[in-house]
Protein backbone atom coordinates (compact mmCIF):
# COMPACT_ATOMS: atom_id res chain seq x y z
CA MET A 1 -49.26 -38.98 21.14
CA ARG A 2 -46.23 -40.81 19.94
CA CYS A 3 -47.63 -41.54 16.53
CA THR A 4 -48.89 -38.19 16.08
CA PHE A 5 -45.45 -36.80 16.96
CA SER A 6 -43.88 -39.48 14.77
CA PHE A 7 -46.05 -38.38 11.63
CA LEU A 8 -45.43 -34.42 12.20
CA PHE A 9 -42.02 -35.24 12.24
CA ILE A 10 -42.13 -37.17 8.93
CA VAL A 11 -44.28 -34.54 7.43
CA PHE A 12 -41.75 -32.14 8.39
CA CYS A 13 -38.81 -33.97 6.93
CA SER A 14 -40.81 -34.41 3.81
CA LEU A 15 -41.31 -30.65 3.71
CA GLN A 16 -37.88 -30.12 3.97
CA LEU A 17 -36.93 -32.17 0.86
CA TYR A 18 -38.97 -29.96 -1.25
CA ALA A 19 -37.87 -26.58 0.50
CA GLU A 20 -35.89 -23.83 -1.37
CA PRO A 21 -32.26 -24.79 -0.51
CA LYS A 22 -30.55 -22.00 1.49
CA ALA A 23 -28.03 -19.95 -0.78
CA SER A 24 -24.31 -20.49 0.47
CA PHE A 25 -21.32 -18.59 -0.62
CA TRP A 26 -19.78 -22.31 -1.20
CA ASP A 27 -22.42 -23.46 -3.53
CA ASP A 28 -21.49 -24.75 -6.87
CA THR A 29 -24.21 -22.41 -8.53
CA PRO A 30 -22.85 -20.06 -11.35
CA ALA A 31 -21.20 -16.83 -9.99
CA ASP A 32 -24.03 -14.44 -11.38
CA GLN A 33 -26.83 -16.67 -10.14
CA LEU A 34 -25.26 -17.06 -6.91
CA VAL A 35 -24.80 -13.72 -6.36
CA GLU A 36 -28.61 -12.83 -7.27
CA GLN A 37 -29.51 -15.59 -4.72
CA LEU A 38 -27.53 -14.24 -1.92
CA LEU A 39 -28.63 -10.63 -2.60
CA ASP A 40 -32.27 -11.94 -2.49
CA ALA A 41 -31.82 -13.86 0.74
CA MET A 42 -29.46 -11.64 2.84
CA SER A 43 -31.05 -9.53 5.62
CA ASP A 44 -30.70 -5.71 5.40
CA GLU A 45 -28.06 -6.06 8.10
CA GLU A 46 -26.23 -8.58 6.05
CA LEU A 47 -26.08 -6.48 2.84
CA LEU A 48 -25.19 -3.41 4.32
CA GLY A 49 -22.61 -4.86 6.58
CA GLN A 50 -20.76 -6.06 3.23
CA VAL A 51 -19.65 -2.77 2.46
CA PHE A 52 -17.64 -1.99 5.62
CA LEU A 53 -13.83 -2.62 5.81
CA LEU A 54 -12.79 -2.16 9.34
CA GLY A 55 -9.56 -2.05 11.13
CA TYR A 56 -9.50 -3.20 14.87
CA SER A 57 -6.98 -2.43 17.89
CA GLY A 58 -4.49 -4.67 19.28
CA THR A 59 -2.65 -7.85 18.17
CA ILE A 60 -5.58 -10.11 18.33
CA PRO A 61 -9.36 -9.27 17.37
CA SER A 62 -11.16 -7.08 19.33
CA PRO A 63 -14.39 -8.01 20.98
CA GLU A 64 -15.96 -5.15 18.69
CA ILE A 65 -14.52 -6.69 15.25
CA LEU A 66 -15.73 -10.12 16.17
CA GLU A 67 -19.17 -8.71 17.10
CA TRP A 68 -19.22 -6.83 13.60
CA ILE A 69 -18.27 -10.07 11.94
CA SER A 70 -20.99 -12.44 13.85
CA ALA A 71 -23.77 -9.65 13.73
CA ARG A 72 -23.40 -7.69 10.56
CA SER A 73 -21.35 -10.15 8.23
CA ILE A 74 -19.03 -7.24 7.31
CA GLY A 75 -17.25 -7.42 3.89
CA GLY A 76 -13.68 -7.13 5.55
CA VAL A 77 -11.02 -6.32 7.86
CA LYS A 78 -7.67 -4.40 7.40
CA ILE A 79 -4.49 -5.33 9.19
CA PHE A 80 -2.40 -2.19 10.12
CA GLY A 81 1.04 -2.25 11.46
CA TRP A 82 -0.29 -2.27 15.16
CA ASN A 83 -2.24 -5.56 14.61
CA ALA A 84 1.11 -7.62 12.81
CA SER A 85 3.88 -7.55 15.14
CA ASN A 86 3.97 -11.44 15.41
CA LEU A 87 3.47 -13.30 12.15
CA GLY A 88 2.26 -16.41 14.08
CA GLU A 89 -0.18 -14.51 16.27
CA LEU A 90 -1.46 -12.67 12.97
CA ALA A 91 -2.08 -15.62 11.46
CA VAL A 92 -4.12 -17.30 14.34
CA SER A 93 -6.27 -13.91 14.54
CA ILE A 94 -7.21 -14.08 10.81
CA SER A 95 -8.04 -17.65 11.08
CA ALA A 96 -10.38 -16.55 14.20
CA MET A 97 -12.08 -13.82 12.34
CA GLN A 98 -12.63 -16.21 8.94
CA ARG A 99 -14.15 -18.70 11.24
CA ALA A 100 -16.58 -16.12 12.60
CA ALA A 101 -17.24 -15.09 9.09
CA GLN A 102 -18.05 -18.75 8.21
CA GLU A 103 -20.38 -19.25 11.21
CA THR A 104 -22.79 -16.86 9.81
CA GLU A 105 -25.94 -17.35 7.72
CA PHE A 106 -24.42 -17.61 4.47
CA SER A 107 -20.81 -18.29 5.22
CA ILE A 108 -19.27 -15.28 3.21
CA PRO A 109 -15.63 -15.14 3.79
CA LEU A 110 -13.84 -11.67 4.47
CA PHE A 111 -11.53 -9.82 2.54
CA VAL A 112 -8.56 -9.47 4.37
CA ALA A 113 -6.58 -6.45 3.56
CA THR A 114 -3.40 -4.85 4.31
CA ASP A 115 -0.83 -2.26 2.74
CA GLN A 116 2.33 -4.48 1.65
CA GLU A 117 3.67 -2.11 -1.23
CA GLY A 118 7.34 -2.90 -0.75
CA GLY A 119 9.85 -0.54 0.42
CA TRP A 120 9.02 2.12 2.52
CA VAL A 121 5.39 0.83 3.29
CA ARG A 122 5.36 -2.48 4.87
CA HIS A 123 2.58 -3.19 7.43
CA VAL A 124 3.00 -6.76 7.89
CA LYS A 125 6.81 -6.66 9.17
CA GLY A 126 8.26 -9.39 11.22
CA GLU A 127 10.35 -11.64 9.02
CA THR A 128 8.44 -10.69 5.79
CA SER A 129 10.70 -9.49 2.88
CA VAL A 130 12.53 -6.24 2.95
CA THR A 131 12.12 -4.82 -0.56
CA ALA A 132 14.04 -2.05 -2.39
CA GLY A 133 10.42 -0.82 -3.23
CA ASN A 134 8.69 0.71 -6.48
CA MET A 135 11.35 3.29 -7.46
CA ALA A 136 14.09 0.54 -7.33
CA ILE A 137 11.87 -1.29 -10.03
CA GLY A 138 11.40 1.89 -11.84
CA ALA A 139 15.23 2.21 -11.75
CA THR A 140 15.61 -1.15 -13.56
CA GLY A 141 12.71 -0.44 -16.00
CA LEU A 142 12.17 -4.40 -15.86
CA ALA A 143 8.53 -5.83 -15.93
CA TYR A 144 10.15 -8.87 -14.70
CA ASP A 145 11.16 -7.18 -11.50
CA ALA A 146 7.64 -5.89 -10.93
CA PHE A 147 6.12 -9.13 -11.34
CA GLN A 148 8.47 -11.07 -9.23
CA SER A 149 8.23 -8.15 -6.59
CA GLY A 150 4.22 -8.61 -6.78
CA TRP A 151 4.82 -12.55 -6.60
CA PHE A 152 7.18 -12.89 -3.79
CA ILE A 153 5.09 -10.28 -1.69
CA GLY A 154 1.80 -12.02 -2.60
CA ILE A 155 3.11 -15.51 -1.61
CA GLU A 156 3.89 -14.30 1.85
CA LEU A 157 0.58 -12.63 2.25
CA ARG A 158 -0.94 -15.88 1.21
CA THR A 159 0.65 -17.50 3.64
CA LEU A 160 -0.50 -15.52 6.41
CA GLY A 161 -4.18 -15.66 5.05
CA ILE A 162 -4.30 -12.27 3.52
CA ASN A 163 -6.06 -12.16 0.58
CA MET A 164 -6.09 -8.40 -0.46
CA ASN A 165 -3.14 -5.95 -0.85
CA PHE A 166 -3.66 -2.29 -1.38
CA ALA A 167 -1.13 -2.20 -4.02
CA PRO A 168 0.51 -1.45 -6.51
CA THR A 169 0.90 2.45 -5.93
CA VAL A 170 0.27 3.88 -9.40
CA ASP A 171 0.60 7.53 -8.39
CA VAL A 172 2.76 9.51 -11.10
CA TYR A 173 5.47 11.15 -8.93
CA THR A 174 5.44 14.84 -10.78
CA ASN A 175 5.72 17.14 -7.84
CA PRO A 176 8.81 16.71 -5.74
CA GLN A 177 7.18 17.98 -2.63
CA ALA A 178 4.88 14.91 -3.05
CA GLN A 179 7.00 13.62 0.00
CA VAL A 180 4.30 11.22 1.26
CA ILE A 181 4.55 9.32 -2.19
CA GLY A 182 8.45 9.76 -2.98
CA PRO A 183 9.99 6.38 -3.69
CA ARG A 184 6.46 4.50 -3.46
CA ALA A 185 5.97 5.62 -7.12
CA PHE A 186 7.43 3.67 -9.81
CA SER A 187 8.50 6.99 -11.63
CA ASP A 188 7.18 10.02 -12.95
CA ASP A 189 6.53 8.68 -16.48
CA PRO A 190 2.76 7.66 -16.73
CA LEU A 191 3.46 5.20 -19.41
CA GLN A 192 6.37 3.50 -17.49
CA ILE A 193 4.11 3.10 -14.39
CA SER A 194 1.25 1.52 -16.65
CA MET A 195 3.55 -1.22 -17.46
CA LEU A 196 5.27 -1.75 -14.33
CA SER A 197 1.95 -1.54 -12.51
CA ILE A 198 0.39 -3.98 -14.66
CA ALA A 199 3.42 -6.57 -14.22
CA PHE A 200 3.19 -5.92 -10.17
CA PHE A 201 -0.45 -6.67 -10.37
CA LYS A 202 -0.08 -9.64 -12.41
CA GLY A 203 2.27 -11.23 -9.95
CA LEU A 204 0.10 -10.56 -6.93
CA ASP A 205 -2.69 -12.05 -8.96
CA SER A 206 -0.62 -15.29 -9.76
CA ALA A 207 -0.51 -15.42 -5.92
CA GLY A 208 -4.02 -15.33 -5.60
CA ILE A 209 -4.14 -12.04 -4.07
CA ILE A 210 -6.65 -9.14 -4.82
CA SER A 211 -4.76 -6.23 -6.18
CA THR A 212 -5.96 -2.58 -5.31
CA ALA A 213 -4.39 0.30 -7.25
CA LYS A 214 -4.03 3.42 -5.39
CA HIS A 215 -4.58 6.20 -4.78
CA PHE A 216 -7.17 7.16 -7.18
CA PRO A 217 -7.38 9.77 -9.27
CA GLY A 218 -3.63 10.42 -8.22
CA HIS A 219 -1.57 11.75 -5.29
CA GLY A 220 1.95 12.14 -6.90
CA ASP A 221 1.51 15.80 -7.35
CA ALA A 222 0.21 16.63 -3.80
CA ASP A 223 2.50 18.92 -1.71
CA LYS A 224 0.82 17.67 1.53
CA ASP A 225 -0.11 14.18 2.99
CA SER A 226 -4.01 13.46 2.94
CA HIS A 227 -3.83 11.82 6.45
CA GLY A 228 -3.44 15.50 7.94
CA THR A 229 -5.36 17.56 5.33
CA LEU A 230 -6.92 17.84 1.84
CA PRO A 231 -4.33 18.47 -0.48
CA ALA A 232 -5.04 20.72 -3.20
CA ILE A 233 -3.60 19.67 -6.87
CA ASP A 234 -3.64 22.33 -9.32
CA VAL A 235 -4.27 20.22 -12.63
CA SER A 236 -6.62 20.17 -15.27
CA LEU A 237 -9.08 17.02 -16.36
CA GLU A 238 -6.99 17.20 -19.85
CA THR A 239 -3.80 16.61 -18.18
CA MET A 240 -4.84 14.18 -15.52
CA TRP A 241 -6.41 12.13 -18.25
CA GLU A 242 -3.07 11.86 -19.89
CA ARG A 243 -1.00 11.64 -16.87
CA GLU A 244 -2.42 10.52 -13.49
CA LEU A 245 -5.37 8.44 -15.02
CA LEU A 246 -3.42 6.61 -17.65
CA PRO A 247 -2.21 3.85 -15.48
CA TYR A 248 -5.80 3.21 -14.23
CA ARG A 249 -6.87 3.02 -17.97
CA PHE A 250 -4.41 0.49 -18.69
CA LEU A 251 -5.12 -1.52 -15.69
CA SER A 252 -8.50 -1.61 -16.12
CA ARG A 253 -8.25 -3.06 -19.33
CA GLU A 254 -6.02 -5.96 -17.76
CA GLY A 255 -8.83 -6.70 -15.17
CA LEU A 256 -7.60 -5.00 -12.07
CA PRO A 257 -10.15 -6.27 -9.31
CA ALA A 258 -9.72 -3.28 -7.05
CA VAL A 259 -9.07 0.53 -6.77
CA MET A 260 -8.52 2.70 -3.58
CA SER A 261 -10.07 6.22 -3.81
CA GLY A 262 -7.84 9.00 -2.29
CA HIS A 263 -8.60 12.06 -0.32
CA LEU A 264 -7.61 14.79 -2.81
CA GLY A 265 -8.86 17.91 -3.95
CA PHE A 266 -8.81 19.45 -7.49
CA PRO A 267 -9.96 22.89 -7.45
CA ASN A 268 -9.87 23.11 -11.01
CA ILE A 269 -12.22 20.38 -11.42
CA LEU A 270 -14.32 20.01 -8.31
CA PRO A 271 -16.05 22.34 -5.48
CA GLU A 272 -13.33 23.89 -3.17
CA GLU A 273 -12.78 21.39 -0.43
CA MET A 274 -14.36 18.54 -2.32
CA PRO A 275 -12.24 15.32 -1.88
CA ALA A 276 -12.24 13.00 -4.98
CA SER A 277 -12.97 10.01 -2.76
CA LEU A 278 -16.45 11.70 -2.03
CA SER A 279 -16.96 12.79 -5.68
CA ARG A 280 -19.62 11.12 -7.82
CA PHE A 281 -17.84 12.91 -10.93
CA PHE A 282 -14.73 11.09 -10.03
CA GLN A 283 -15.75 7.61 -8.75
CA THR A 284 -18.81 7.17 -11.09
CA GLU A 285 -18.27 9.55 -14.40
CA ILE A 286 -14.60 8.99 -14.71
CA LEU A 287 -14.03 5.89 -13.30
CA ARG A 288 -16.92 3.91 -14.09
CA ASN A 289 -18.00 5.55 -17.31
CA ARG A 290 -15.19 7.01 -19.12
CA ILE A 291 -12.33 4.36 -18.16
CA GLY A 292 -14.73 1.57 -18.12
CA PHE A 293 -13.50 0.22 -14.53
CA GLU A 294 -15.57 -2.86 -13.24
CA GLY A 295 -14.20 -4.00 -10.26
CA ILE A 296 -14.84 -2.56 -6.89
CA VAL A 297 -13.69 0.65 -5.33
CA ILE A 298 -12.77 0.92 -1.64
CA THR A 299 -12.32 4.30 0.02
CA ASP A 300 -9.16 5.10 1.87
CA ASP A 301 -9.52 5.47 5.48
CA LEU A 302 -12.42 7.86 6.31
CA ARG A 303 -11.28 8.95 9.43
CA MET A 304 -8.15 10.85 7.63
CA HIS A 305 -8.50 14.51 7.79
CA GLY A 306 -8.39 14.83 3.91
CA ALA A 307 -12.01 13.13 4.01
CA ARG A 308 -13.40 15.55 6.11
CA HIS A 309 -15.23 18.60 4.38
CA ASN A 310 -17.63 21.50 4.86
CA GLY A 311 -18.15 20.35 8.43
CA LEU A 312 -19.67 16.87 7.49
CA SER A 313 -20.06 14.30 10.38
CA LEU A 314 -18.28 10.84 9.85
CA PRO A 315 -21.77 9.26 9.26
CA GLU A 316 -22.58 11.85 6.66
CA ILE A 317 -18.99 11.25 4.91
CA CYS A 318 -19.54 7.75 4.70
CA ILE A 319 -23.00 8.08 3.20
CA GLN A 320 -21.50 10.58 0.57
CA ALA A 321 -18.54 7.98 -0.15
CA LEU A 322 -21.18 5.37 -1.08
CA GLU A 323 -23.61 7.77 -2.97
CA ALA A 324 -20.39 8.68 -5.12
CA GLY A 325 -19.74 5.10 -6.19
CA ASN A 326 -17.53 3.56 -3.44
CA ASP A 327 -18.60 0.13 -2.99
CA MET A 328 -16.58 -0.18 0.21
CA ILE A 329 -15.88 2.27 3.14
CA MET A 330 -12.71 1.60 5.28
CA LEU A 331 -12.37 2.97 8.89
CA SER A 332 -9.43 2.49 10.86
CA ARG A 333 -11.12 1.79 14.24
CA THR A 334 -13.83 -0.34 14.73
CA PRO A 335 -17.32 1.68 15.41
CA GLY A 336 -19.71 0.42 18.28
CA LEU A 337 -21.95 -2.15 16.91
CA ASN A 338 -25.07 0.75 17.00
CA ASP A 339 -23.02 3.81 16.77
CA ASP A 340 -23.74 6.72 14.61
CA VAL A 341 -22.24 5.50 11.38
CA TRP A 342 -24.22 2.15 11.40
CA THR A 343 -27.37 3.97 12.47
CA ALA A 344 -27.28 6.57 9.60
CA LEU A 345 -26.62 4.18 7.00
CA MET A 346 -29.35 1.88 8.13
CA GLU A 347 -31.90 4.80 8.26
CA LYS A 348 -30.99 5.80 4.77
CA TYR A 349 -31.13 2.34 3.22
CA THR A 350 -34.41 1.83 4.87
CA ALA A 351 -35.91 4.83 3.64
CA GLU A 352 -34.44 5.76 0.29
CA PRO A 353 -34.91 3.00 -2.36
CA GLU A 354 -32.24 4.78 -4.67
CA PHE A 355 -29.65 4.48 -1.51
CA ARG A 356 -30.85 0.89 -1.21
CA GLU A 357 -30.17 -0.05 -4.79
CA ARG A 358 -26.72 1.63 -4.69
CA ILE A 359 -25.88 -0.78 -1.73
CA ARG A 360 -27.13 -3.79 -3.49
CA GLU A 361 -24.91 -2.83 -6.61
CA ALA A 362 -21.81 -2.60 -4.49
CA VAL A 363 -22.56 -6.05 -2.53
CA SER A 364 -23.04 -7.51 -6.09
CA ARG A 365 -19.43 -6.25 -7.01
CA ILE A 366 -18.03 -7.39 -3.64
CA LEU A 367 -19.48 -10.95 -3.89
CA MET A 368 -18.53 -11.34 -7.45
CA THR A 369 -14.95 -10.44 -6.47
CA LYS A 370 -14.73 -12.74 -3.56
CA ILE A 371 -16.01 -15.66 -5.76
CA ALA A 372 -13.37 -14.83 -8.60
CA TYR A 373 -10.64 -14.98 -6.12
CA ILE A 374 -11.49 -16.63 -2.68
CA LYS A 375 -13.56 -19.62 -4.38
CA SER A 376 -10.88 -20.01 -7.22
CA LYS A 377 -8.39 -22.99 -7.28
CA LYS A 378 -5.58 -20.24 -6.34
CA GLY A 379 -7.85 -18.75 -3.62
CA VAL A 380 -6.06 -17.65 -0.58
CA PRO A 381 -6.70 -20.25 2.32
CA LEU A 382 -9.07 -19.00 4.86
CA TYR A 383 -7.19 -20.65 7.84
CA PRO A 384 -3.33 -20.11 7.43
CA ASP A 385 -1.23 -23.11 8.48
CA ALA A 386 0.95 -22.23 11.36
CA GLU A 387 3.56 -24.99 10.47
CA GLU A 388 4.01 -23.20 7.01
CA ILE A 389 4.48 -20.01 8.42
CA GLU A 390 7.23 -21.15 10.60
CA THR A 391 9.07 -22.73 7.46
CA HIS A 392 8.07 -19.99 4.87
CA PHE A 393 9.71 -16.89 6.99
CA PRO A 394 11.88 -15.58 6.20
CA SER A 395 11.79 -16.56 2.56
CA GLU A 396 15.24 -17.48 1.26
CA PRO A 397 14.33 -17.34 -2.60
CA GLY A 398 12.45 -13.77 -1.86
CA LYS A 399 15.46 -12.62 -0.02
CA ASN A 400 17.89 -13.62 -2.92
CA PHE A 401 15.55 -11.86 -5.49
CA PHE A 402 14.91 -8.66 -3.51
CA PHE A 403 18.91 -8.51 -3.05
CA ASP A 404 19.24 -8.70 -6.74
CA LEU A 405 16.78 -6.21 -7.60
CA ALA A 406 18.37 -3.70 -5.11
CA CYS A 407 21.76 -4.31 -6.90
CA ARG A 408 20.14 -4.00 -10.40
CA SER A 409 18.37 -0.82 -9.42
CA VAL A 410 21.68 1.36 -7.89
CA THR A 411 22.11 4.48 -10.12
CA VAL A 412 25.55 6.48 -10.29
CA LEU A 413 24.82 10.14 -10.74
CA LYS A 414 28.24 11.80 -9.98
CA GLU A 415 31.38 9.55 -9.96
CA LYS A 416 34.31 11.37 -9.35
CA PHE A 417 35.52 9.33 -6.31
CA ILE A 418 33.80 5.99 -7.62
CA PRO A 419 35.13 3.49 -7.20
CA PHE A 420 36.32 4.60 -3.69
CA ASN A 421 39.19 2.79 -2.48
CA PRO A 422 41.63 4.91 -0.55
CA ALA A 423 44.99 3.57 -0.31
CA GLY A 424 46.46 3.13 3.29
CA ASP A 425 44.84 2.70 6.50
CA ASP A 426 45.65 6.05 7.57
CA VAL A 427 42.79 7.71 5.51
CA LYS A 428 40.10 9.09 7.73
CA ILE A 429 36.55 8.29 6.84
CA LEU A 430 33.63 9.44 8.34
CA LEU A 431 30.18 7.69 7.77
CA ALA A 432 27.23 9.64 8.68
CA GLY A 433 23.48 8.75 8.33
CA GLN A 434 20.06 8.47 9.95
CA PHE A 435 19.90 4.66 9.42
CA THR A 436 21.86 2.31 11.45
CA ARG A 437 21.63 -0.25 8.42
CA PHE A 438 23.35 2.23 6.35
CA LEU A 439 26.44 2.77 9.12
CA ASP A 440 26.57 -1.14 9.48
CA ALA A 441 26.81 -1.73 5.79
CA GLY A 442 29.41 0.94 5.29
CA GLY A 443 31.49 -0.25 8.53
CA LYS A 444 31.76 -3.63 6.71
CA ARG A 445 33.29 -2.07 3.74
CA TYR A 446 35.36 0.78 5.26
CA PRO A 447 36.30 -0.83 8.78
CA GLN A 448 38.46 1.78 9.67
CA ALA A 449 35.49 4.46 9.41
CA ASP A 450 33.86 6.10 12.41
CA ARG A 451 30.32 6.70 12.43
CA PHE A 452 27.78 9.52 13.17
CA TYR A 453 24.38 8.73 13.68
CA PHE A 454 21.76 11.62 13.59
CA PRO A 455 17.83 10.70 13.79
CA TYR A 456 15.46 10.61 10.91
CA SER A 457 12.87 12.57 12.92
CA PRO A 458 11.77 15.55 12.63
CA PHE A 459 11.53 14.89 8.91
CA GLU A 460 11.43 18.64 7.71
CA THR A 461 14.19 20.09 9.56
CA ALA A 462 17.32 19.06 11.17
CA ARG A 463 18.32 19.51 14.72
CA GLN A 464 20.95 22.27 15.22
CA ARG A 465 22.98 20.12 17.57
CA ASP A 466 23.43 17.75 14.92
CA ILE A 467 24.54 20.31 12.54
CA ARG A 468 26.94 21.70 15.10
CA GLN A 469 28.32 18.34 15.95
CA LEU A 470 28.85 17.21 12.34
CA THR A 471 30.56 20.29 11.01
CA ALA A 472 32.72 20.45 13.97
CA LEU A 473 33.80 17.00 13.30
CA ALA A 474 34.15 17.14 9.34
CA PRO A 475 37.66 18.95 9.25
CA GLY A 476 39.20 16.07 11.10
CA TYR A 477 38.55 13.47 8.18
CA ASP A 478 39.86 12.97 4.68
CA TYR A 479 36.33 11.78 3.28
CA ILE A 480 32.67 11.73 4.62
CA ILE A 481 30.37 9.16 3.14
CA PHE A 482 26.79 10.60 3.66
CA CYS A 483 23.29 9.08 3.66
CA LEU A 484 20.88 11.59 2.22
CA ALA A 485 17.12 10.64 2.92
CA ASN A 486 14.91 13.39 3.66
CA PRO A 487 14.89 17.27 4.08
CA ASN A 488 16.48 16.93 7.84
CA SER A 489 19.40 15.45 6.19
CA LEU A 490 19.51 17.44 3.24
CA GLU A 491 19.69 20.57 5.81
CA VAL A 492 22.63 18.82 7.24
CA LEU A 493 24.30 17.78 4.33
CA SER A 494 24.38 21.31 2.81
CA THR A 495 26.27 22.65 5.95
CA LEU A 496 29.17 20.23 5.00
CA ARG A 497 30.12 22.21 1.81
CA GLU A 498 31.80 24.91 3.86
CA THR A 499 34.19 22.29 5.58
CA GLY A 500 36.04 21.68 2.57
CA THR A 501 35.66 17.96 3.26
CA PRO A 502 35.09 15.85 0.27
CA VAL A 503 31.57 14.22 0.48
CA LEU A 504 30.38 11.30 -0.99
CA VAL A 505 26.66 10.84 -1.13
CA ILE A 506 24.43 7.52 -1.00
CA SER A 507 20.81 8.71 -1.45
CA ALA A 508 18.40 6.70 0.14
CA LEU A 509 14.64 6.74 -0.87
CA THR A 510 13.64 9.32 -3.23
CA PRO A 511 16.73 11.00 -4.94
CA ILE A 512 14.92 14.21 -5.49
CA TYR A 513 16.88 16.02 -2.92
CA LEU A 514 20.12 15.84 -4.93
CA LYS A 515 18.94 18.24 -6.91
CA GLU A 516 19.78 20.63 -4.23
CA VAL A 517 23.33 19.63 -3.61
CA PRO A 518 24.90 20.39 -7.31
CA TRP A 519 28.24 20.80 -5.64
CA VAL A 520 28.49 17.12 -4.51
CA GLU A 521 30.77 15.32 -6.92
CA SER A 522 30.08 11.76 -5.90
CA ALA A 523 26.65 10.45 -5.87
CA ILE A 524 25.02 6.99 -5.78
CA ALA A 525 21.18 6.25 -5.58
CA VAL A 526 19.58 3.42 -3.66
CA TYR A 527 15.85 3.46 -3.16
CA GLY A 528 15.07 1.38 -0.20
CA THR A 529 16.49 1.61 3.39
CA GLY A 530 16.72 -2.17 4.17
CA LYS A 531 20.32 -3.46 4.51
CA GLU A 532 20.05 -4.98 0.94
CA SER A 533 19.88 -1.64 -0.49
CA PHE A 534 22.68 -0.14 1.61
CA GLU A 535 25.04 -3.40 1.00
CA ALA A 536 24.31 -2.92 -3.02
CA GLY A 537 25.26 0.70 -2.67
CA PHE A 538 28.31 0.34 -0.94
CA ALA A 539 29.23 -2.46 -3.40
CA VAL A 540 28.88 -0.29 -6.32
CA LEU A 541 30.82 2.46 -4.15
CA LYS A 542 33.71 -0.20 -3.67
CA GLY A 543 33.59 -0.82 -7.38
CA ASP A 544 32.44 -4.51 -6.99
CA PHE A 545 30.28 -4.13 -10.10
CA GLU A 546 29.16 -1.07 -12.25
CA ALA A 547 25.65 0.02 -11.60
CA GLU A 548 23.16 -0.23 -14.31
CA GLY A 549 20.28 1.45 -12.55
CA THR A 550 18.66 4.77 -14.32
CA ILE A 551 17.01 7.14 -12.15
CA PRO A 552 13.12 7.11 -13.06
CA LEU A 553 12.74 10.98 -12.84
CA THR A 554 12.63 13.10 -15.81
CA VAL A 555 13.50 16.03 -13.83
CA PHE A 556 17.16 14.83 -13.60
CA LYS A 557 17.19 14.36 -17.51
CA ASP A 558 15.53 17.75 -18.15
CA MET A 559 18.10 19.57 -15.85
CA GLY A 560 21.32 17.46 -16.14
CA SER A 561 23.28 15.97 -13.30
CA PRO A 562 22.58 17.25 -9.85
């Protein structure tokens, strides 16, 4: 019996020597060959799983997301603000999810994505760099600032184990009512956006981060937020080609690896209530065939209201998104392992050869992108080093660069009282604004000043008690230094005209609201809400240096000064 067992064992081992080796993501096989081997070897569940990019609840990976990784070999996870309250804990979480991915059949690593645009949108907070944002880069007009912003943001993401960034935002800010975009845009000039977005992408790329330009085909002319509804944008395809689509045309030629599709309606081009994200015309005919984009296309969150149309269920929306030409579907919350979304997609995948081929095509692009970035010499480590996190954050070089950028971007629009250095300690000054960082920065430069704080929310309208209190206080001061940042603060500022007290305005975020107060005679624009931006603005107000920024919106050039 022992001899028989030994003989069978030897035969088994010999057969293994001649057996076809199992494909693995980490094989040294050339990329195109390896992708074909993986596609042929992966199960239906593993292939379909790769098109999912899922969010999860909590600050540590939920049991649901770990189950999807282990059982379905999903393509990626999305880090939202609610996942990232502690950088060390986030790094441990990312390591745990990547280890789970490495224990699957083919050891295919995850895309780990987030929104770290800089400025207004910064999902990973903690001690990551606070930046003045894209419009500040537009105000300097320097490709250097765009590249370095991408680089410093990318290095921080890399340190945390995040390998994909949903940036740069390349929306063309043509509609002043596009408040969800505002300072997230570089400018309203498609050519300037193209040049700066290329530089930003190259900076992220140099840090090994996968750039994802958004929101295709363009959110900058929308007067509503696609999180809550489907914005209808009244534009022709001819205008769009030269305006919204120009940055994508440039970026595609430069090898941009990924694009995010936005939930946007174009009634002059698509049927009513059809989001561009679910449109084969936009995702395949325009982006693939006309622009020639070869990277991966990822939907914005399909749970957003802008993605819902004609009463379709979430599973139907996911199917339509993939059929349109998206390669990955993003869901901000982890579905159950066998819920309706998975069941519907698997049924269609099993039953329809055309859909099966569409998934194979999508997974081919996903795997090629993972090989190109994650397996490269500059690939983001799968398991972030906790000690490196402790020493890297906060980043002093990054902090210094972003402060310099904030200073370079400051723009003076009206200069009657600038520089502002009133003589005597008896001059009464009131600082009024919605950000404690503004009040703190102003208090350092004008120690005698009093402060009036009112909240940033509600965004659209001011509280009447704030208006009453400030207008009652205003006559008792010689000057008011006011921070203008949203429609709420615009309404408050407008009531100060009748008080007769001179008002100096520091505009934060988008400066578009300055167009509504032409009576203001002293106005400075900064573009972020971090202390660096406000310190830079007050430095110009005091006369420490002359502002060199140029407001990157043609509405000011066409209509003159505010």
